[in-house]
Amino acid sequence: ALASFSIRGTPTAEEEDLMAFLLSSEHVRLDLYDRLES
């Protein structure tokens, strides 16, 4: 439902890094949120 609110299609450099982190590991990491506090 939230994705339908999106009006911007181009990711920022920070968003590219975040997606790379979220999508590159073999598994969804259990330390995911500890690594993303910033």
ModelCIF file with pLDDT and N, C-alpha, C, O atoms, coordinates in Angstrom:
data_MODEL
#
_entry.id   MODEL 
#
_entity.id                         1 
_entity.type                       polymer 
_entity.pdbx_number_of_molecules   1 
#
_entity_poly.entity_id                      1 
_entity_poly.type                           'polypeptide(L)' 
_entity_poly.nstd_linkage                   no 
_entity_poly.nstd_monomer                   no 
_entity_poly.pdbx_seq_one_letter_code       ALASFSIRGTPTAEEEDLMAFLLSSEHVRLDLYDRLES 
_entity_poly.pdbx_seq_one_letter_code_can   ALASFSIRGTPTAEEEDLMAFLLSSEHVRLDLYDRLES 
_entity_poly.pdbx_strand_id                 A 
#
loop_
_entity_poly_seq.entity_id 
_entity_poly_seq.num 
_entity_poly_seq.mon_id 
_entity_poly_seq.hetero 
1 1  ALA n 
1 2  LEU n 
1 3  ALA n 
1 4  SER n 
1 5  PHE n 
1 6  SER n 
1 7  ILE n 
1 8  ARG n 
1 9  GLY n 
1 10 THR n 
1 11 PRO n 
1 12 THR n 
1 13 ALA n 
1 14 GLU n 
1 15 GLU n 
1 16 GLU n 
1 17 ASP n 
1 18 LEU n 
1 19 MET n 
1 20 ALA n 
1 21 PHE n 
1 22 LEU n 
1 23 LEU n 
1 24 SER n 
1 25 SER n 
1 26 GLU n 
1 27 HIS n 
1 28 VAL n 
1 29 ARG n 
1 30 LEU n 
1 31 ASP n 
1 32 LEU n 
1 33 TYR n 
1 34 ASP n 
1 35 ARG n 
1 36 LEU n 
1 37 GLU n 
1 38 SER n 
#
_struct_asym.id          A 
_struct_asym.entity_id   1 
#
loop_
_ma_qa_metric.id 
_ma_qa_metric.mode 
_ma_qa_metric.name 
_ma_qa_metric.software_group_id 
_ma_qa_metric.type 
1 global pLDDT . pLDDT 
2 local  pLDDT . pLDDT 
#
_ma_qa_metric_global.metric_id      1 
_ma_qa_metric_global.metric_value   90.47 
_ma_qa_metric_global.model_id       1 
_ma_qa_metric_global.ordinal_id     1 
#
loop_
_ma_qa_metric_local.label_asym_id 
_ma_qa_metric_local.label_comp_id 
_ma_qa_metric_local.label_seq_id 
_ma_qa_metric_local.metric_id 
_ma_qa_metric_local.metric_value 
_ma_qa_metric_local.model_id 
_ma_qa_metric_local.ordinal_id 
A ALA 1  2 96.00 1 1  
A LEU 2  2 96.00 1 2  
A ALA 3  2 96.00 1 3  
A SER 4  2 96.00 1 4  
A PHE 5  2 96.00 1 5  
A SER 6  2 96.00 1 6  
A ILE 7  2 96.00 1 7  
A ARG 8  2 95.00 1 8  
A GLY 9  2 94.00 1 9  
A THR 10 2 96.00 1 10 
A PRO 11 2 97.00 1 11 
A THR 12 2 97.00 1 12 
A ALA 13 2 97.00 1 13 
A GLU 14 2 96.00 1 14 
A GLU 15 2 97.00 1 15 
A GLU 16 2 97.00 1 16 
A ASP 17 2 96.00 1 17 
A LEU 18 2 95.00 1 18 
A MET 19 2 96.00 1 19 
A ALA 20 2 95.00 1 20 
A PHE 21 2 92.00 1 21 
A LEU 22 2 93.00 1 22 
A LEU 23 2 94.00 1 23 
A SER 24 2 89.00 1 24 
A SER 25 2 84.00 1 25 
A GLU 26 2 82.00 1 26 
A HIS 27 2 83.00 1 27 
A VAL 28 2 82.00 1 28 
A ARG 29 2 69.00 1 29 
A LEU 30 2 64.00 1 30 
A ASP 31 2 73.00 1 31 
A LEU 32 2 80.00 1 32 
A TYR 33 2 86.00 1 33 
A ASP 34 2 86.00 1 34 
A ARG 35 2 86.00 1 35 
A LEU 36 2 90.00 1 36 
A GLU 37 2 92.00 1 37 
A SER 38 2 93.00 1 38 
#
loop_
_atom_site.group_PDB 
_atom_site.id 
_atom_site.type_symbol 
_atom_site.label_atom_id 
_atom_site.label_alt_id 
_atom_site.label_comp_id 
_atom_site.label_asym_id 
_atom_site.label_entity_id 
_atom_site.label_seq_id 
_atom_site.pdbx_PDB_ins_code 
_atom_site.Cartn_x 
_atom_site.Cartn_y 
_atom_site.Cartn_z 
_atom_site.occupancy 
_atom_site.B_iso_or_equiv 
_atom_site.pdbx_formal_charge 
_atom_site.auth_seq_id 
_atom_site.auth_comp_id 
_atom_site.auth_asym_id 
_atom_site.auth_atom_id 
_atom_site.pdbx_PDB_model_num 
ATOM 1   N N  . ALA A 1 1  ? 0.829  -1.210  0.000  1.00 96.00 ? 1  ALA A N  1 
ATOM 2   C CA . ALA A 1 1  ? 0.000  0.000   0.000  1.00 96.00 ? 1  ALA A CA 1 
ATOM 3   C C  . ALA A 1 1  ? 0.859  1.254   0.000  1.00 96.00 ? 1  ALA A C  1 
ATOM 4   O O  . ALA A 1 1  ? 0.557  2.209   -0.715 1.00 96.00 ? 1  ALA A O  1 
ATOM 5   N N  . LEU A 1 2  ? 1.936  1.263   0.800  1.00 96.00 ? 2  LEU A N  1 
ATOM 6   C CA . LEU A 1 2  ? 2.796  2.442   0.886  1.00 96.00 ? 2  LEU A CA 1 
ATOM 7   C C  . LEU A 1 2  ? 3.524  2.722   -0.420 1.00 96.00 ? 2  LEU A C  1 
ATOM 8   O O  . LEU A 1 2  ? 3.736  3.881   -0.775 1.00 96.00 ? 2  LEU A O  1 
ATOM 9   N N  . ALA A 1 3  ? 3.911  1.662   -1.145 1.00 96.00 ? 3  ALA A N  1 
ATOM 10  C CA . ALA A 1 3  ? 4.659  1.846   -2.382 1.00 96.00 ? 3  ALA A CA 1 
ATOM 11  C C  . ALA A 1 3  ? 3.876  2.663   -3.400 1.00 96.00 ? 3  ALA A C  1 
ATOM 12  O O  . ALA A 1 3  ? 4.463  3.328   -4.254 1.00 96.00 ? 3  ALA A O  1 
ATOM 13  N N  . SER A 1 4  ? 2.559  2.612   -3.309 1.00 96.00 ? 4  SER A N  1 
ATOM 14  C CA . SER A 1 4  ? 1.731  3.368   -4.252 1.00 96.00 ? 4  SER A CA 1 
ATOM 15  C C  . SER A 1 4  ? 1.772  4.864   -4.006 1.00 96.00 ? 4  SER A C  1 
ATOM 16  O O  . SER A 1 4  ? 1.339  5.643   -4.855 1.00 96.00 ? 4  SER A O  1 
ATOM 17  N N  . PHE A 1 5  ? 2.295  5.283   -2.840 1.00 96.00 ? 5  PHE A N  1 
ATOM 18  C CA . PHE A 1 5  ? 2.418  6.710   -2.554 1.00 96.00 ? 5  PHE A CA 1 
ATOM 19  C C  . PHE A 1 5  ? 3.667  7.314   -3.199 1.00 96.00 ? 5  PHE A C  1 
ATOM 20  O O  . PHE A 1 5  ? 3.844  8.532   -3.189 1.00 96.00 ? 5  PHE A O  1 
ATOM 21  N N  . SER A 1 6  ? 4.525  6.472   -3.754 1.00 96.00 ? 6  SER A N  1 
ATOM 22  C CA . SER A 1 6  ? 5.800  6.951   -4.282 1.00 96.00 ? 6  SER A CA 1 
ATOM 23  C C  . SER A 1 6  ? 5.586  7.816   -5.525 1.00 96.00 ? 6  SER A C  1 
ATOM 24  O O  . SER A 1 6  ? 4.854  7.439   -6.439 1.00 96.00 ? 6  SER A O  1 
ATOM 25  N N  . ILE A 1 7  ? 6.236  8.977   -5.542 1.00 96.00 ? 7  ILE A N  1 
ATOM 26  C CA . ILE A 1 7  ? 6.156  9.873   -6.696 1.00 96.00 ? 7  ILE A CA 1 
ATOM 27  C C  . ILE A 1 7  ? 7.553  10.165  -7.254 1.00 96.00 ? 7  ILE A C  1 
ATOM 28  O O  . ILE A 1 7  ? 7.706  11.020  -8.125 1.00 96.00 ? 7  ILE A O  1 
ATOM 29  N N  . ARG A 1 8  ? 8.550  9.469   -6.763 1.00 95.00 ? 8  ARG A N  1 
ATOM 30  C CA . ARG A 1 8  ? 9.925  9.668   -7.227 1.00 95.00 ? 8  ARG A CA 1 
ATOM 31  C C  . ARG A 1 8  ? 10.497 8.325   -7.649 1.00 95.00 ? 8  ARG A C  1 
ATOM 32  O O  . ARG A 1 8  ? 10.496 7.376   -6.865 1.00 95.00 ? 8  ARG A O  1 
ATOM 33  N N  . GLY A 1 9  ? 10.983 8.237   -8.876 1.00 94.00 ? 9  GLY A N  1 
ATOM 34  C CA . GLY A 1 9  ? 11.460 6.965   -9.386 1.00 94.00 ? 9  GLY A CA 1 
ATOM 35  C C  . GLY A 1 9  ? 12.950 6.797   -9.387 1.00 94.00 ? 9  GLY A C  1 
ATOM 36  O O  . GLY A 1 9  ? 13.430 5.681   -9.585 1.00 94.00 ? 9  GLY A O  1 
ATOM 37  N N  . THR A 1 10 ? 13.714 7.858   -9.173 1.00 96.00 ? 10 THR A N  1 
ATOM 38  C CA . THR A 1 10 ? 15.175 7.786   -9.221 1.00 96.00 ? 10 THR A CA 1 
ATOM 39  C C  . THR A 1 10 ? 15.732 7.726   -7.806 1.00 96.00 ? 10 THR A C  1 
ATOM 40  O O  . THR A 1 10 ? 15.474 8.625   -7.005 1.00 96.00 ? 10 THR A O  1 
ATOM 41  N N  . PRO A 1 11 ? 16.491 6.685   -7.485 1.00 97.00 ? 11 PRO A N  1 
ATOM 42  C CA . PRO A 1 11 ? 17.044 6.584   -6.127 1.00 97.00 ? 11 PRO A CA 1 
ATOM 43  C C  . PRO A 1 11 ? 18.212 7.537   -5.929 1.00 97.00 ? 11 PRO A C  1 
ATOM 44  O O  . PRO A 1 11 ? 18.934 7.859   -6.872 1.00 97.00 ? 11 PRO A O  1 
ATOM 45  N N  . THR A 1 12 ? 18.385 7.976   -4.707 1.00 97.00 ? 12 THR A N  1 
ATOM 46  C CA . THR A 1 12 ? 19.572 8.739   -4.336 1.00 97.00 ? 12 THR A CA 1 
ATOM 47  C C  . THR A 1 12 ? 20.755 7.785   -4.201 1.00 97.00 ? 12 THR A C  1 
ATOM 48  O O  . THR A 1 12 ? 20.577 6.567   -4.203 1.00 97.00 ? 12 THR A O  1 
ATOM 49  N N  . ALA A 1 13 ? 21.950 8.332   -4.086 1.00 97.00 ? 13 ALA A N  1 
ATOM 50  C CA . ALA A 1 13 ? 23.134 7.497   -3.891 1.00 97.00 ? 13 ALA A CA 1 
ATOM 51  C C  . ALA A 1 13 ? 23.024 6.693   -2.596 1.00 97.00 ? 13 ALA A C  1 
ATOM 52  O O  . ALA A 1 13 ? 23.411 5.525   -2.553 1.00 97.00 ? 13 ALA A O  1 
ATOM 53  N N  . GLU A 1 14 ? 22.494 7.320   -1.541 1.00 96.00 ? 14 GLU A N  1 
ATOM 54  C CA . GLU A 1 14 ? 22.321 6.603   -0.283 1.00 96.00 ? 14 GLU A CA 1 
ATOM 55  C C  . GLU A 1 14 ? 21.323 5.462   -0.446 1.00 96.00 ? 14 GLU A C  1 
ATOM 56  O O  . GLU A 1 14 ? 21.521 4.380   0.107  1.00 96.00 ? 14 GLU A O  1 
ATOM 57  N N  . GLU A 1 15 ? 20.245 5.699   -1.207 1.00 97.00 ? 15 GLU A N  1 
ATOM 58  C CA . GLU A 1 15 ? 19.256 4.644   -1.433 1.00 97.00 ? 15 GLU A CA 1 
ATOM 59  C C  . GLU A 1 15 ? 19.847 3.503   -2.263 1.00 97.00 ? 15 GLU A C  1 
ATOM 60  O O  . GLU A 1 15 ? 19.525 2.339   -2.027 1.00 97.00 ? 15 GLU A O  1 
ATOM 61  N N  . GLU A 1 16 ? 20.694 3.818   -3.216 1.00 97.00 ? 16 GLU A N  1 
ATOM 62  C CA . GLU A 1 16 ? 21.366 2.765   -3.982 1.00 97.00 ? 16 GLU A CA 1 
ATOM 63  C C  . GLU A 1 16 ? 22.218 1.899   -3.058 1.00 97.00 ? 16 GLU A C  1 
ATOM 64  O O  . GLU A 1 16 ? 22.217 0.674   -3.173 1.00 97.00 ? 16 GLU A O  1 
ATOM 65  N N  . ASP A 1 17 ? 22.933 2.529   -2.155 1.00 96.00 ? 17 ASP A N  1 
ATOM 66  C CA . ASP A 1 17 ? 23.750 1.771   -1.202 1.00 96.00 ? 17 ASP A CA 1 
ATOM 67  C C  . ASP A 1 17 ? 22.869 0.901   -0.301 1.00 96.00 ? 17 ASP A C  1 
ATOM 68  O O  . ASP A 1 17 ? 23.201 -0.249  -0.012 1.00 96.00 ? 17 ASP A O  1 
ATOM 69  N N  . LEU A 1 18 ? 21.754 1.464   0.132  1.00 95.00 ? 18 LEU A N  1 
ATOM 70  C CA . LEU A 1 18 ? 20.849 0.718   1.005  1.00 95.00 ? 18 LEU A CA 1 
ATOM 71  C C  . LEU A 1 18 ? 20.274 -0.486  0.270  1.00 95.00 ? 18 LEU A C  1 
ATOM 72  O O  . LEU A 1 18 ? 20.209 -1.579  0.833  1.00 95.00 ? 18 LEU A O  1 
ATOM 73  N N  . MET A 1 19 ? 19.855 -0.301  -0.985 1.00 96.00 ? 19 MET A N  1 
ATOM 74  C CA . MET A 1 19 ? 19.314 -1.428  -1.748 1.00 96.00 ? 19 MET A CA 1 
ATOM 75  C C  . MET A 1 19 ? 20.380 -2.482  -2.009 1.00 96.00 ? 19 MET A C  1 
ATOM 76  O O  . MET A 1 19 ? 20.095 -3.679  -1.971 1.00 96.00 ? 19 MET A O  1 
ATOM 77  N N  . ALA A 1 20 ? 21.600 -2.045  -2.274 1.00 95.00 ? 20 ALA A N  1 
ATOM 78  C CA . ALA A 1 20 ? 22.684 -3.006  -2.472 1.00 95.00 ? 20 ALA A CA 1 
ATOM 79  C C  . ALA A 1 20 ? 22.893 -3.850  -1.225 1.00 95.00 ? 20 ALA A C  1 
ATOM 80  O O  . ALA A 1 20 ? 23.102 -5.060  -1.318 1.00 95.00 ? 20 ALA A O  1 
ATOM 81  N N  . PHE A 1 21 ? 22.838 -3.217  -0.057 1.00 92.00 ? 21 PHE A N  1 
ATOM 82  C CA . PHE A 1 21 ? 22.991 -3.952  1.199  1.00 92.00 ? 21 PHE A CA 1 
ATOM 83  C C  . PHE A 1 21 ? 21.839 -4.938  1.392  1.00 92.00 ? 21 PHE A C  1 
ATOM 84  O O  . PHE A 1 21 ? 22.055 -6.085  1.785  1.00 92.00 ? 21 PHE A O  1 
ATOM 85  N N  . LEU A 1 22 ? 20.627 -4.491  1.117  1.00 93.00 ? 22 LEU A N  1 
ATOM 86  C CA . LEU A 1 22 ? 19.451 -5.321  1.361  1.00 93.00 ? 22 LEU A CA 1 
ATOM 87  C C  . LEU A 1 22 ? 19.335 -6.478  0.378  1.00 93.00 ? 22 LEU A C  1 
ATOM 88  O O  . LEU A 1 22 ? 18.784 -7.524  0.723  1.00 93.00 ? 22 LEU A O  1 
ATOM 89  N N  . LEU A 1 23 ? 19.844 -6.311  -0.839 1.00 94.00 ? 23 LEU A N  1 
ATOM 90  C CA . LEU A 1 23 ? 19.611 -7.303  -1.894 1.00 94.00 ? 23 LEU A CA 1 
ATOM 91  C C  . LEU A 1 23 ? 20.824 -8.168  -2.215 1.00 94.00 ? 23 LEU A C  1 
ATOM 92  O O  . LEU A 1 23 ? 20.686 -9.163  -2.926 1.00 94.00 ? 23 LEU A O  1 
ATOM 93  N N  . SER A 1 24 ? 21.999 -7.824  -1.717 1.00 89.00 ? 24 SER A N  1 
ATOM 94  C CA . SER A 1 24 ? 23.194 -8.540  -2.147 1.00 89.00 ? 24 SER A CA 1 
ATOM 95  C C  . SER A 1 24 ? 23.538 -9.742  -1.282 1.00 89.00 ? 24 SER A C  1 
ATOM 96  O O  . SER A 1 24 ? 24.180 -10.676 -1.762 1.00 89.00 ? 24 SER A O  1 
ATOM 97  N N  . SER A 1 25 ? 23.133 -9.741  -0.032 1.00 84.00 ? 25 SER A N  1 
ATOM 98  C CA . SER A 1 25 ? 23.489 -10.858 0.841  1.00 84.00 ? 25 SER A CA 1 
ATOM 99  C C  . SER A 1 25 ? 22.674 -12.098 0.478  1.00 84.00 ? 25 SER A C  1 
ATOM 100 O O  . SER A 1 25 ? 21.583 -11.993 -0.082 1.00 84.00 ? 25 SER A O  1 
ATOM 101 N N  . GLU A 1 26 ? 23.214 -13.267 0.802  1.00 82.00 ? 26 GLU A N  1 
ATOM 102 C CA . GLU A 1 26 ? 22.508 -14.510 0.475  1.00 82.00 ? 26 GLU A CA 1 
ATOM 103 C C  . GLU A 1 26 ? 21.201 -14.622 1.236  1.00 82.00 ? 26 GLU A C  1 
ATOM 104 O O  . GLU A 1 26 ? 20.204 -15.106 0.700  1.00 82.00 ? 26 GLU A O  1 
ATOM 105 N N  . HIS A 1 27 ? 21.203 -14.175 2.487  1.00 83.00 ? 27 HIS A N  1 
ATOM 106 C CA . HIS A 1 27 ? 20.007 -14.225 3.319  1.00 83.00 ? 27 HIS A CA 1 
ATOM 107 C C  . HIS A 1 27 ? 19.705 -12.832 3.861  1.00 83.00 ? 27 HIS A C  1 
ATOM 108 O O  . HIS A 1 27 ? 20.586 -11.975 3.926  1.00 83.00 ? 27 HIS A O  1 
ATOM 109 N N  . VAL A 1 28 ? 18.445 -12.617 4.249  1.00 82.00 ? 28 VAL A N  1 
ATOM 110 C CA . VAL A 1 28 ? 18.113 -11.392 4.969  1.00 82.00 ? 28 VAL A CA 1 
ATOM 111 C C  . VAL A 1 28 ? 18.825 -11.466 6.302  1.00 82.00 ? 28 VAL A C  1 
ATOM 112 O O  . VAL A 1 28 ? 18.589 -12.380 7.093  1.00 82.00 ? 28 VAL A O  1 
ATOM 113 N N  . ARG A 1 29 ? 19.679 -10.522 6.544  1.00 69.00 ? 29 ARG A N  1 
ATOM 114 C CA . ARG A 1 29 ? 20.607 -10.611 7.667  1.00 69.00 ? 29 ARG A CA 1 
ATOM 115 C C  . ARG A 1 29 ? 19.884 -10.394 8.997  1.00 69.00 ? 29 ARG A C  1 
ATOM 116 O O  . ARG A 1 29 ? 19.030 -9.515  9.113  1.00 69.00 ? 29 ARG A O  1 
ATOM 117 N N  . LEU A 1 30 ? 20.235 -11.203 9.995  1.00 64.00 ? 30 LEU A N  1 
ATOM 118 C CA . LEU A 1 30 ? 19.657 -11.042 11.315 1.00 64.00 ? 30 LEU A CA 1 
ATOM 119 C C  . LEU A 1 30 ? 20.181 -9.781  12.007 1.00 64.00 ? 30 LEU A C  1 
ATOM 120 O O  . LEU A 1 30 ? 19.552 -9.261  12.929 1.00 64.00 ? 30 LEU A O  1 
ATOM 121 N N  . ASP A 1 31 ? 21.361 -9.288  11.543 1.00 73.00 ? 31 ASP A N  1 
ATOM 122 C CA . ASP A 1 31 ? 21.877 -8.052  12.116 1.00 73.00 ? 31 ASP A CA 1 
ATOM 123 C C  . ASP A 1 31 ? 21.517 -6.839  11.260 1.00 73.00 ? 31 ASP A C  1 
ATOM 124 O O  . ASP A 1 31 ? 22.159 -5.790  11.325 1.00 73.00 ? 31 ASP A O  1 
ATOM 125 N N  . LEU A 1 32 ? 20.475 -7.017  10.461 1.00 80.00 ? 32 LEU A N  1 
ATOM 126 C CA . LEU A 1 32 ? 20.078 -5.995  9.489  1.00 80.00 ? 32 LEU A CA 1 
ATOM 127 C C  . LEU A 1 32 ? 19.955 -4.615  10.102 1.00 80.00 ? 32 LEU A C  1 
ATOM 128 O O  . LEU A 1 32 ? 20.581 -3.663  9.635  1.00 80.00 ? 32 LEU A O  1 
ATOM 129 N N  . TYR A 1 33 ? 19.149 -4.504  11.147 1.00 86.00 ? 33 TYR A N  1 
ATOM 130 C CA . TYR A 1 33 ? 18.845 -3.184  11.677 1.00 86.00 ? 33 TYR A CA 1 
ATOM 131 C C  . TYR A 1 33 ? 20.003 -2.601  12.479 1.00 86.00 ? 33 TYR A C  1 
ATOM 132 O O  . TYR A 1 33 ? 20.174 -1.382  12.525 1.00 86.00 ? 33 TYR A O  1 
ATOM 133 N N  . ASP A 1 34 ? 20.800 -3.463  13.113 1.00 86.00 ? 34 ASP A N  1 
ATOM 134 C CA . ASP A 1 34 ? 21.989 -2.958  13.806 1.00 86.00 ? 34 ASP A CA 1 
ATOM 135 C C  . ASP A 1 34 ? 22.939 -2.282  12.824 1.00 86.00 ? 34 ASP A C  1 
ATOM 136 O O  . ASP A 1 34 ? 23.614 -1.311  13.167 1.00 86.00 ? 34 ASP A O  1 
ATOM 137 N N  . ARG A 1 35 ? 22.985 -2.800  11.611 1.00 86.00 ? 35 ARG A N  1 
ATOM 138 C CA . ARG A 1 35 ? 23.888 -2.254  10.606 1.00 86.00 ? 35 ARG A CA 1 
ATOM 139 C C  . ARG A 1 35 ? 23.335 -0.998  9.937  1.00 86.00 ? 35 ARG A C  1 
ATOM 140 O O  . ARG A 1 35 ? 24.048 -0.322  9.196  1.00 86.00 ? 35 ARG A O  1 
ATOM 141 N N  . LEU A 1 36 ? 22.058 -0.683  10.198 1.00 90.00 ? 36 LEU A N  1 
ATOM 142 C CA . LEU A 1 36 ? 21.400 0.404   9.477  1.00 90.00 ? 36 LEU A CA 1 
ATOM 143 C C  . LEU A 1 36 ? 20.957 1.548   10.387 1.00 90.00 ? 36 LEU A C  1 
ATOM 144 O O  . LEU A 1 36 ? 20.104 2.345   9.994  1.00 90.00 ? 36 LEU A O  1 
ATOM 145 N N  . GLU A 1 37 ? 21.507 1.644   11.570 1.00 92.00 ? 37 GLU A N  1 
ATOM 146 C CA . GLU A 1 37 ? 21.102 2.705   12.486 1.00 92.00 ? 37 GLU A CA 1 
ATOM 147 C C  . GLU A 1 37 ? 21.398 4.098   11.931 1.00 92.00 ? 37 GLU A C  1 
ATOM 148 O O  . GLU A 1 37 ? 20.750 5.072   12.315 1.00 92.00 ? 37 GLU A O  1 
ATOM 149 N N  . SER A 1 38 ? 22.361 4.190   11.042 1.00 93.00 ? 38 SER A N  1 
ATOM 150 C CA . SER A 1 38 ? 22.688 5.494   10.460 1.00 93.00 ? 38 SER A CA 1 
ATOM 151 C C  . SER A 1 38 ? 21.850 5.830   9.234  1.00 93.00 ? 38 SER A C  1 
ATOM 152 O O  . SER A 1 38 ? 22.020 6.897   8.644  1.00 93.00 ? 38 SER A O  1 
#
